[in-house]
Structures are given as C-alpha cells and as structure tokens.
PDB file of N, CA and C in Angstrom:
ATOM      1  N   MET A   1       0.845  -1.178   0.000  1.00  0.00           N
ATOM      2  CA  MET A   1       0.000   0.000   0.000  1.00  0.00           C
ATOM      3  C   MET A   1       0.882   1.229   0.000  1.00  0.00           C
ATOM      4  N   LYS A   2       0.257   2.387  -0.250  1.00  0.00           N
ATOM      5  CA  LYS A   2       1.015   3.630  -0.210  1.00  0.00           C
ATOM      6  C   LYS A   2       0.072   4.796   0.056  1.00  0.00           C
ATOM      7  N   ILE A   3       0.687   5.924   0.413  1.00  0.00           N
ATOM      8  CA  ILE A   3      -0.075   7.139   0.672  1.00  0.00           C
ATOM      9  C   ILE A   3      -0.593   7.664  -0.671  1.00  0.00           C
ATOM     10  N   LYS A   4      -1.872   8.038  -0.730  1.00  0.00           N
ATOM     11  CA  LYS A   4      -2.430   8.621  -1.949  1.00  0.00           C
ATOM     12  C   LYS A   4      -1.790   9.973  -2.227  1.00  0.00           C
ATOM     13  N   ASN A   5      -1.602  10.257  -3.497  1.00  0.00           N
ATOM     14  CA  ASN A   5      -1.112  11.578  -3.894  1.00  0.00           C
ATOM     15  C   ASN A   5      -2.073  12.653  -3.408  1.00  0.00           C
ATOM     16  N   GLY A   6      -1.517  13.771  -2.996  1.00  0.00           N
ATOM     17  CA  GLY A   6      -2.351  14.896  -2.580  1.00  0.00           C
ATOM     18  C   GLY A   6      -2.547  15.000  -1.085  1.00  0.00           C
ATOM     19  N   PHE A   7      -2.034  14.060  -0.316  1.00  0.00           N
ATOM     20  CA  PHE A   7      -2.159  14.123   1.139  1.00  0.00           C
ATOM     21  C   PHE A   7      -0.791  14.364   1.754  1.00  0.00           C
ATOM     22  N   VAL A   8      -0.726  15.362   2.628  1.00  0.00           N
ATOM     23  CA  VAL A   8       0.542  15.759   3.216  1.00  0.00           C
ATOM     24  C   VAL A   8       0.405  15.952   4.719  1.00  0.00           C
ATOM     25  N   LEU A   9       1.518  15.808   5.405  1.00  0.00           N
ATOM     26  CA  LEU A   9       1.587  16.058   6.836  1.00  0.00           C
ATOM     27  C   LEU A   9       1.996  17.508   7.039  1.00  0.00           C
ATOM     28  N   ARG A  10       1.243  18.231   7.838  1.00  0.00           N
ATOM     29  CA  ARG A  10       1.526  19.637   8.129  1.00  0.00           C
ATOM     30  C   ARG A  10       1.458  19.866   9.640  1.00  0.00           C
ATOM     31  N   GLN A  11       2.115  20.929  10.081  1.00  0.00           N
ATOM     32  CA  GLN A  11       1.989  21.406  11.456  1.00  0.00           C
ATOM     33  C   GLN A  11       0.952  22.526  11.438  1.00  0.00           C
ATOM     34  N   VAL A  12      -0.133  22.348  12.175  1.00  0.00           N
ATOM     35  CA  VAL A  12      -1.181  23.362  12.260  1.00  0.00           C
ATOM     36  C   VAL A  12      -1.429  23.632  13.737  1.00  0.00           C
ATOM     37  N   CYS A  13      -1.124  24.845  14.166  1.00  0.00           N
ATOM     38  CA  CYS A  13      -1.297  25.236  15.576  1.00  0.00           C
ATOM     39  C   CYS A  13      -0.617  24.244  16.520  1.00  0.00           C
ATOM     40  N   GLY A  14       0.572  23.804  16.150  1.00  0.00           N
ATOM     41  CA  GLY A  14       1.330  22.892  17.003  1.00  0.00           C
ATOM     42  C   GLY A  14       0.911  21.440  16.927  1.00  0.00           C
ATOM     43  N   GLU A  15      -0.033  21.110  16.065  1.00  0.00           N
ATOM     44  CA  GLU A  15      -0.514  19.739  15.903  1.00  0.00           C
ATOM     45  C   GLU A  15      -0.056  19.174  14.564  1.00  0.00           C
ATOM     46  N   ASN A  16       0.250  17.881  14.537  1.00  0.00           N
ATOM     47  CA  ASN A  16       0.548  17.183  13.285  1.00  0.00           C
ATOM     48  C   ASN A  16      -0.774  16.763  12.658  1.00  0.00           C
ATOM     49  N   VAL A  17      -1.027  17.224  11.440  1.00  0.00           N
ATOM     50  CA  VAL A  17      -2.280  16.872  10.770  1.00  0.00           C
ATOM     51  C   VAL A  17      -2.022  16.475   9.329  1.00  0.00           C
ATOM     52  N   ILE A  18      -2.811  15.538   8.844  1.00  0.00           N
ATOM     53  CA  ILE A  18      -2.816  15.184   7.431  1.00  0.00           C
ATOM     54  C   ILE A  18      -3.896  16.027   6.784  1.00  0.00           C
ATOM     55  N   VAL A  19      -3.515  16.698   5.727  1.00  0.00           N
ATOM     56  CA  VAL A  19      -4.480  17.512   4.980  1.00  0.00           C
ATOM     57  C   VAL A  19      -4.418  17.135   3.509  1.00  0.00           C
ATOM     58  N   GLY A  20      -5.503  17.379   2.829  1.00  0.00           N
ATOM     59  CA  GLY A  20      -5.559  17.123   1.401  1.00  0.00           C
ATOM     60  C   GLY A  20      -5.206  18.372   0.627  1.00  0.00           C
ATOM     61  N   GLU A  21      -4.400  18.204  -0.414  1.00  0.00           N
ATOM     62  CA  GLU A  21      -4.026  19.311  -1.293  1.00  0.00           C
ATOM     63  C   GLU A  21      -4.238  18.884  -2.737  1.00  0.00           C
ATOM     64  N   GLY A  22      -4.657  19.785  -3.564  1.00  0.00           N
ATOM     65  CA  GLY A  22      -4.763  19.504  -4.991  1.00  0.00           C
ATOM     66  C   GLY A  22      -6.010  18.721  -5.360  1.00  0.00           C
ATOM     67  N   LEU A  23      -6.098  18.360  -6.631  1.00  0.00           N
ATOM     68  CA  LEU A  23      -7.279  17.701  -7.170  1.00  0.00           C
ATOM     69  C   LEU A  23      -7.500  16.300  -6.618  1.00  0.00           C
ATOM     70  N   GLY A  24      -6.421  15.590  -6.289  1.00  0.00           N
ATOM     71  CA  GLY A  24      -6.560  14.232  -5.777  1.00  0.00           C
ATOM     72  C   GLY A  24      -7.251  14.158  -4.430  1.00  0.00           C
ATOM     73  N   ALA A  25      -7.283  15.269  -3.717  1.00  0.00           N
ATOM     74  CA  ALA A  25      -7.868  15.280  -2.380  1.00  0.00           C
ATOM     75  C   ALA A  25      -9.116  16.148  -2.306  1.00  0.00           C
ATOM     76  N   ILE A  26      -9.704  16.448  -3.438  1.00  0.00           N
ATOM     77  CA  ILE A  26     -10.791  17.420  -3.482  1.00  0.00           C
ATOM     78  C   ILE A  26     -11.998  17.036  -2.630  1.00  0.00           C
ATOM     79  N   ASN A  27     -12.268  15.756  -2.462  1.00  0.00           N
ATOM     80  CA  ASN A  27     -13.411  15.327  -1.657  1.00  0.00           C
ATOM     81  C   ASN A  27     -13.055  14.978  -0.223  1.00  0.00           C
ATOM     82  N   PHE A  28     -11.808  15.221   0.189  1.00  0.00           N
ATOM     83  CA  PHE A  28     -11.377  14.858   1.535  1.00  0.00           C
ATOM     84  C   PHE A  28     -12.046  15.751   2.564  1.00  0.00           C
ATOM     85  N   GLY A  29     -11.906  17.078   2.437  1.00  0.00           N
ATOM     86  CA  GLY A  29     -12.639  18.038   3.239  1.00  0.00           C
ATOM     87  C   GLY A  29     -12.451  17.946   4.739  1.00  0.00           C
ATOM     88  N   LYS A  30     -11.350  17.383   5.221  1.00  0.00           N
ATOM     89  CA  LYS A  30     -11.123  17.302   6.659  1.00  0.00           C
ATOM     90  C   LYS A  30      -9.637  17.195   6.930  1.00  0.00           C
ATOM     91  N   MET A  31      -9.297  17.254   8.202  1.00  0.00           N
ATOM     92  CA  MET A  31      -7.921  17.057   8.626  1.00  0.00           C
ATOM     93  C   MET A  31      -7.909  15.875   9.585  1.00  0.00           C
ATOM     94  N   LEU A  32      -6.819  15.149   9.606  1.00  0.00           N
ATOM     95  CA  LEU A  32      -6.657  14.018  10.507  1.00  0.00           C
ATOM     96  C   LEU A  32      -5.476  14.327  11.411  1.00  0.00           C
ATOM     97  N   ALA A  33      -5.718  14.477  12.718  1.00  0.00           N
ATOM     98  CA  ALA A  33      -4.652  14.782  13.670  1.00  0.00           C
ATOM     99  C   ALA A  33      -3.883  13.511  14.008  1.00  0.00           C
ATOM    100  N   LEU A  34      -2.558  13.636  14.080  1.00  0.00           N
ATOM    101  CA  LEU A  34      -1.684  12.510  14.395  1.00  0.00           C
ATOM    102  C   LEU A  34      -0.836  12.836  15.614  1.00  0.00           C
ATOM    103  N   ASN A  35      -0.648  11.837  16.486  1.00  0.00           N
ATOM    104  CA  ASN A  35       0.303  12.036  17.577  1.00  0.00           C
ATOM    105  C   ASN A  35       1.711  11.952  17.007  1.00  0.00           C
ATOM    106  N   GLU A  36       2.711  12.158  17.852  1.00  0.00           N
ATOM    107  CA  GLU A  36       4.098  12.207  17.379  1.00  0.00           C
ATOM    108  C   GLU A  36       4.522  10.911  16.681  1.00  0.00           C
ATOM    109  N   THR A  37       4.156   9.773  17.261  1.00  0.00           N
ATOM    110  CA  THR A  37       4.541   8.488  16.673  1.00  0.00           C
ATOM    111  C   THR A  37       3.839   8.256  15.338  1.00  0.00           C
ATOM    112  N   ALA A  38       2.558   8.548  15.272  1.00  0.00           N
ATOM    113  CA  ALA A  38       1.817   8.374  14.015  1.00  0.00           C
ATOM    114  C   ALA A  38       2.367   9.303  12.929  1.00  0.00           C
ATOM    115  N   ALA A  39       2.744  10.521  13.307  1.00  0.00           N
ATOM    116  CA  ALA A  39       3.334  11.450  12.340  1.00  0.00           C
ATOM    117  C   ALA A  39       4.677  10.909  11.843  1.00  0.00           C
ATOM    118  N   TRP A  40       5.465  10.329  12.755  1.00  0.00           N
ATOM    119  CA  TRP A  40       6.740   9.732  12.360  1.00  0.00           C
ATOM    120  C   TRP A  40       6.494   8.566  11.401  1.00  0.00           C
ATOM    121  N   LEU A  41       5.497   7.734  11.681  1.00  0.00           N
ATOM    122  CA  LEU A  41       5.167   6.617  10.792  1.00  0.00           C
ATOM    123  C   LEU A  41       4.708   7.118   9.423  1.00  0.00           C
ATOM    124  N   TRP A  42       3.933   8.192   9.400  1.00  0.00           N
ATOM    125  CA  TRP A  42       3.500   8.785   8.131  1.00  0.00           C
ATOM    126  C   TRP A  42       4.723   9.177   7.301  1.00  0.00           C
ATOM    127  N   GLN A  43       5.690   9.829   7.935  1.00  0.00           N
ATOM    128  CA  GLN A  43       6.900  10.241   7.236  1.00  0.00           C
ATOM    129  C   GLN A  43       7.665   9.029   6.700  1.00  0.00           C
ATOM    130  N   GLN A  44       7.717   7.962   7.483  1.00  0.00           N
ATOM    131  CA  GLN A  44       8.385   6.740   7.023  1.00  0.00           C
ATOM    132  C   GLN A  44       7.646   6.143   5.824  1.00  0.00           C
ATOM    133  N   ALA A  45       6.320   6.124   5.896  1.00  0.00           N
ATOM    134  CA  ALA A  45       5.513   5.579   4.798  1.00  0.00           C
ATOM    135  C   ALA A  45       5.725   6.378   3.519  1.00  0.00           C
ATOM    136  N   VAL A  46       5.754   7.695   3.643  1.00  0.00           N
ATOM    137  CA  VAL A  46       5.996   8.550   2.470  1.00  0.00           C
ATOM    138  C   VAL A  46       7.383   8.268   1.897  1.00  0.00           C
ATOM    139  N   ALA A  47       8.384   8.163   2.752  1.00  0.00           N
ATOM    140  CA  ALA A  47       9.758   7.928   2.298  1.00  0.00           C
ATOM    141  C   ALA A  47       9.901   6.571   1.609  1.00  0.00           C
ATOM    142  N   MET A  48       9.180   5.562   2.103  1.00  0.00           N
ATOM    143  CA  MET A  48       9.285   4.226   1.519  1.00  0.00           C
ATOM    144  C   MET A  48       8.502   4.099   0.220  1.00  0.00           C
ATOM    145  N   GLY A  49       7.480   4.895   0.042  1.00  0.00           N
ATOM    146  CA  GLY A  49       6.608   4.732  -1.125  1.00  0.00           C
ATOM    147  C   GLY A  49       5.654   3.588  -0.877  1.00  0.00           C
ATOM    148  N   ASP A  50       5.972   2.407  -1.356  1.00  0.00           N
ATOM    149  CA  ASP A  50       5.169   1.218  -1.054  1.00  0.00           C
ATOM    150  C   ASP A  50       5.608   0.671   0.294  1.00  0.00           C
ATOM    151  N   PHE A  51       4.643   0.312   1.128  1.00  0.00           N
ATOM    152  CA  PHE A  51       4.953  -0.209   2.450  1.00  0.00           C
ATOM    153  C   PHE A  51       3.907  -1.229   2.860  1.00  0.00           C
ATOM    154  N   THR A  52       4.236  -1.984   3.878  1.00  0.00           N
ATOM    155  CA  THR A  52       3.300  -2.937   4.473  1.00  0.00           C
ATOM    156  C   THR A  52       3.264  -2.678   5.977  1.00  0.00           C
ATOM    157  N   ILE A  53       2.328  -3.321   6.637  1.00  0.00           N
ATOM    158  CA  ILE A  53       2.278  -3.232   8.096  1.00  0.00           C
ATOM    159  C   ILE A  53       3.602  -3.721   8.678  1.00  0.00           C
ATOM    160  N   ASP A  54       4.118  -4.819   8.133  1.00  0.00           N
ATOM    161  CA  ASP A  54       5.366  -5.390   8.652  1.00  0.00           C
ATOM    162  C   ASP A  54       6.558  -4.452   8.456  1.00  0.00           C
ATOM    163  N   THR A  55       6.655  -3.797   7.292  1.00  0.00           N
ATOM    164  CA  THR A  55       7.808  -2.913   7.076  1.00  0.00           C
ATOM    165  C   THR A  55       7.738  -1.682   7.971  1.00  0.00           C
ATOM    166  N   LEU A  56       6.539  -1.154   8.196  1.00  0.00           N
ATOM    167  CA  LEU A  56       6.408  -0.018   9.110  1.00  0.00           C
ATOM    168  C   LEU A  56       6.658  -0.443  10.554  1.00  0.00           C
ATOM    169  N   ALA A  57       6.191  -1.624  10.937  1.00  0.00           N
ATOM    170  CA  ALA A  57       6.425  -2.127  12.294  1.00  0.00           C
ATOM    171  C   ALA A  57       7.921  -2.319  12.531  1.00  0.00           C
ATOM    172  N   GLU A  58       8.622  -2.807  11.525  1.00  0.00           N
ATOM    173  CA  GLU A  58      10.071  -2.982  11.635  1.00  0.00           C
ATOM    174  C   GLU A  58      10.763  -1.639  11.863  1.00  0.00           C
ATOM    175  N   LYS A  59      10.352  -0.625  11.112  1.00  0.00           N
ATOM    176  CA  LYS A  59      10.906   0.726  11.293  1.00  0.00           C
ATOM    177  C   LYS A  59      10.626   1.239  12.706  1.00  0.00           C
ATOM    178  N   LEU A  60       9.419   0.986  13.193  1.00  0.00           N
ATOM    179  CA  LEU A  60       9.034   1.423  14.528  1.00  0.00           C
ATOM    180  C   LEU A  60       9.923   0.777  15.583  1.00  0.00           C
ATOM    181  N   CYS A  61      10.211  -0.502  15.437  1.00  0.00           N
ATOM    182  CA  CYS A  61      11.090  -1.217  16.372  1.00  0.00           C
ATOM    183  C   CYS A  61      12.511  -0.654  16.338  1.00  0.00           C
ATOM    184  N   GLU A  62      12.964  -0.258  15.156  1.00  0.00           N
ATOM    185  CA  GLU A  62      14.307   0.302  15.020  1.00  0.00           C
ATOM    186  C   GLU A  62      14.418   1.660  15.701  1.00  0.00           C
ATOM    187  N   GLU A  63      13.339   2.435  15.683  1.00  0.00           N
ATOM    188  CA  GLU A  63      13.367   3.805  16.198  1.00  0.00           C
ATOM    189  C   GLU A  63      13.014   3.898  17.680  1.00  0.00           C
ATOM    190  N   TYR A  64      12.083   3.067  18.128  1.00  0.00           N
ATOM    191  CA  TYR A  64      11.575   3.128  19.497  1.00  0.00           C
ATOM    192  C   TYR A  64      11.806   1.794  20.198  1.00  0.00           C
ATOM    193  N   GLU A  65      11.860   1.831  21.498  1.00  0.00           N
ATOM    194  CA  GLU A  65      11.996   0.608  22.283  1.00  0.00           C
ATOM    195  C   GLU A  65      10.612  -0.019  22.441  1.00  0.00           C
ATOM    196  N   VAL A  66      10.264  -0.872  21.498  1.00  0.00           N
ATOM    197  CA  VAL A  66       8.952  -1.501  21.473  1.00  0.00           C
ATOM    198  C   VAL A  66       9.124  -2.913  20.911  1.00  0.00           C
ATOM    199  N   SER A  67       8.333  -3.845  21.435  1.00  0.00           N
ATOM    200  CA  SER A  67       8.420  -5.220  20.943  1.00  0.00           C
ATOM    201  C   SER A  67       7.822  -5.315  19.544  1.00  0.00           C
ATOM    202  N   ALA A  68       8.202  -6.353  18.824  1.00  0.00           N
ATOM    203  CA  ALA A  68       7.683  -6.558  17.468  1.00  0.00           C
ATOM    204  C   ALA A  68       6.163  -6.716  17.481  1.00  0.00           C
ATOM    205  N   ASP A  69       5.635  -7.448  18.452  1.00  0.00           N
ATOM    206  CA  ASP A  69       4.183  -7.649  18.531  1.00  0.00           C
ATOM    207  C   ASP A  69       3.451  -6.342  18.811  1.00  0.00           C
ATOM    208  N   GLU A  70       4.000  -5.548  19.741  1.00  0.00           N
ATOM    209  CA  GLU A  70       3.366  -4.266  20.068  1.00  0.00           C
ATOM    210  C   GLU A  70       3.449  -3.306  18.881  1.00  0.00           C
ATOM    211  N   ALA A  71       4.593  -3.289  18.205  1.00  0.00           N
ATOM    212  CA  ALA A  71       4.754  -2.420  17.034  1.00  0.00           C
ATOM    213  C   ALA A  71       3.759  -2.787  15.948  1.00  0.00           C
ATOM    214  N   LYS A  72       3.608  -4.086  15.690  1.00  0.00           N
ATOM    215  CA  LYS A  72       2.678  -4.531  14.650  1.00  0.00           C
ATOM    216  C   LYS A  72       1.240  -4.162  15.012  1.00  0.00           C
ATOM    217  N   ALA A  73       0.870  -4.314  16.273  1.00  0.00           N
ATOM    218  CA  ALA A  73      -0.483  -3.954  16.716  1.00  0.00           C
ATOM    219  C   ALA A  73      -0.713  -2.453  16.567  1.00  0.00           C
ATOM    220  N   ASP A  74       0.273  -1.650  16.972  1.00  0.00           N
ATOM    221  CA  ASP A  74       0.132  -0.194  16.867  1.00  0.00           C
ATOM    222  C   ASP A  74       0.052   0.258  15.411  1.00  0.00           C
ATOM    223  N   VAL A  75       0.900  -0.303  14.569  1.00  0.00           N
ATOM    224  CA  VAL A  75       0.890   0.062  13.149  1.00  0.00           C
ATOM    225  C   VAL A  75      -0.427  -0.360  12.498  1.00  0.00           C
ATOM    226  N   THR A  76      -0.922  -1.536  12.854  1.00  0.00           N
ATOM    227  CA  THR A  76      -2.201  -1.997  12.309  1.00  0.00           C
ATOM    228  C   THR A  76      -3.323  -1.028  12.658  1.00  0.00           C
ATOM    229  N   THR A  77      -3.342  -0.552  13.894  1.00  0.00           N
ATOM    230  CA  THR A  77      -4.362   0.409  14.333  1.00  0.00           C
ATOM    231  C   THR A  77      -4.278   1.701  13.525  1.00  0.00           C
ATOM    232  N   ILE A  78      -3.065   2.199  13.342  1.00  0.00           N
ATOM    233  CA  ILE A  78      -2.880   3.451  12.607  1.00  0.00           C
ATOM    234  C   ILE A  78      -3.267   3.275  11.136  1.00  0.00           C
ATOM    235  N   ILE A  79      -2.823   2.179  10.526  1.00  0.00           N
ATOM    236  CA  ILE A  79      -3.160   1.914   9.118  1.00  0.00           C
ATOM    237  C   ILE A  79      -4.674   1.789   8.942  1.00  0.00           C
ATOM    238  N   ASP A  80      -5.338   1.113   9.878  1.00  0.00           N
ATOM    239  CA  ASP A  80      -6.798   0.994   9.809  1.00  0.00           C
ATOM    240  C   ASP A  80      -7.455   2.375   9.794  1.00  0.00           C
ATOM    241  N   GLU A  81      -6.958   3.285  10.625  1.00  0.00           N
ATOM    242  CA  GLU A  81      -7.508   4.633  10.676  1.00  0.00           C
ATOM    243  C   GLU A  81      -7.260   5.365   9.361  1.00  0.00           C
ATOM    244  N   TRP A  82      -6.057   5.227   8.822  1.00  0.00           N
ATOM    245  CA  TRP A  82      -5.750   5.876   7.548  1.00  0.00           C
ATOM    246  C   TRP A  82      -6.612   5.327   6.425  1.00  0.00           C
ATOM    247  N   GLN A  83      -6.885   4.009   6.461  1.00  0.00           N
ATOM    248  CA  GLN A  83      -7.747   3.423   5.434  1.00  0.00           C
ATOM    249  C   GLN A  83      -9.186   3.917   5.569  1.00  0.00           C
ATOM    250  N   LYS A  84      -9.661   4.045   6.798  1.00  0.00           N
ATOM    251  CA  LYS A  84     -11.034   4.528   7.025  1.00  0.00           C
ATOM    252  C   LYS A  84     -11.260   5.920   6.452  1.00  0.00           C
ATOM    253  N   VAL A  85     -10.243   6.791   6.565  1.00  0.00           N
ATOM    254  CA  VAL A  85     -10.413   8.151   6.059  1.00  0.00           C
ATOM    255  C   VAL A  85      -9.988   8.296   4.600  1.00  0.00           C
ATOM    256  N   GLY A  86      -9.487   7.211   4.000  1.00  0.00           N
ATOM    257  CA  GLY A  86      -9.230   7.194   2.577  1.00  0.00           C
ATOM    258  C   GLY A  86      -7.945   7.848   2.100  1.00  0.00           C
ATOM    259  N   VAL A  87      -6.885   7.807   2.922  1.00  0.00           N
ATOM    260  CA  VAL A  87      -5.635   8.425   2.509  1.00  0.00           C
ATOM    261  C   VAL A  87      -4.611   7.413   1.979  1.00  0.00           C
ATOM    262  N   LEU A  88      -5.008   6.143   1.888  1.00  0.00           N
ATOM    263  CA  LEU A  88      -4.120   5.095   1.376  1.00  0.00           C
ATOM    264  C   LEU A  88      -4.688   4.500   0.096  1.00  0.00           C
ATOM    265  N   GLU A  89      -3.770   3.975  -0.712  1.00  0.00           N
ATOM    266  CA  GLU A  89      -4.203   3.213  -1.885  1.00  0.00           C
ATOM    267  C   GLU A  89      -3.488   1.895  -1.918  1.00  0.00           C
TER     268      GLU A  89
END
C-alpha cells in the first residue's frame, strides 16, 4: 500500500495533521490529527513509497523501544484509521 497523492503532513497550531491538497484530495474536506509516533510513521511511509504493516512495524522497532508484537499492533491500528479516512491506496 502507499499514501495517496495529494495528502501531506503539516503542522497546524502545534498539531501534526494530514491535509488534502490539490485535485486528488478534493473530496477529503477534513484534517486528521496525528500524535508524534503516528506522524513519524507517516513520514516513514511517504519515504518508503510502497509499504506494508510489517515494514512499518520494523521501522518502529528500530526507532523506538517496542516489541515486534506491540509495534505490529500499533501500526495496524494506525493503518486501519488511515484506510477509514481514505488516505491510502
């Protein structure tokens, strides 16, 4: 999977938010607030292009002191949220 074109991470009033820009995001009409870890994962996903839950969980384990099982569960939760709001393809 990968991040859809037109969605970017921005700092708005001190918060990390995903916003839609351009024609690809014309029907998005909202912002999605991310905590620090979710924003870091978003940046990793953008840098990787194509990614999986496992590849993001691996990155999370490399960056933070977290078990593989906990990382996979956390990444799955975040990916589910991103899929619900339609920012992944």
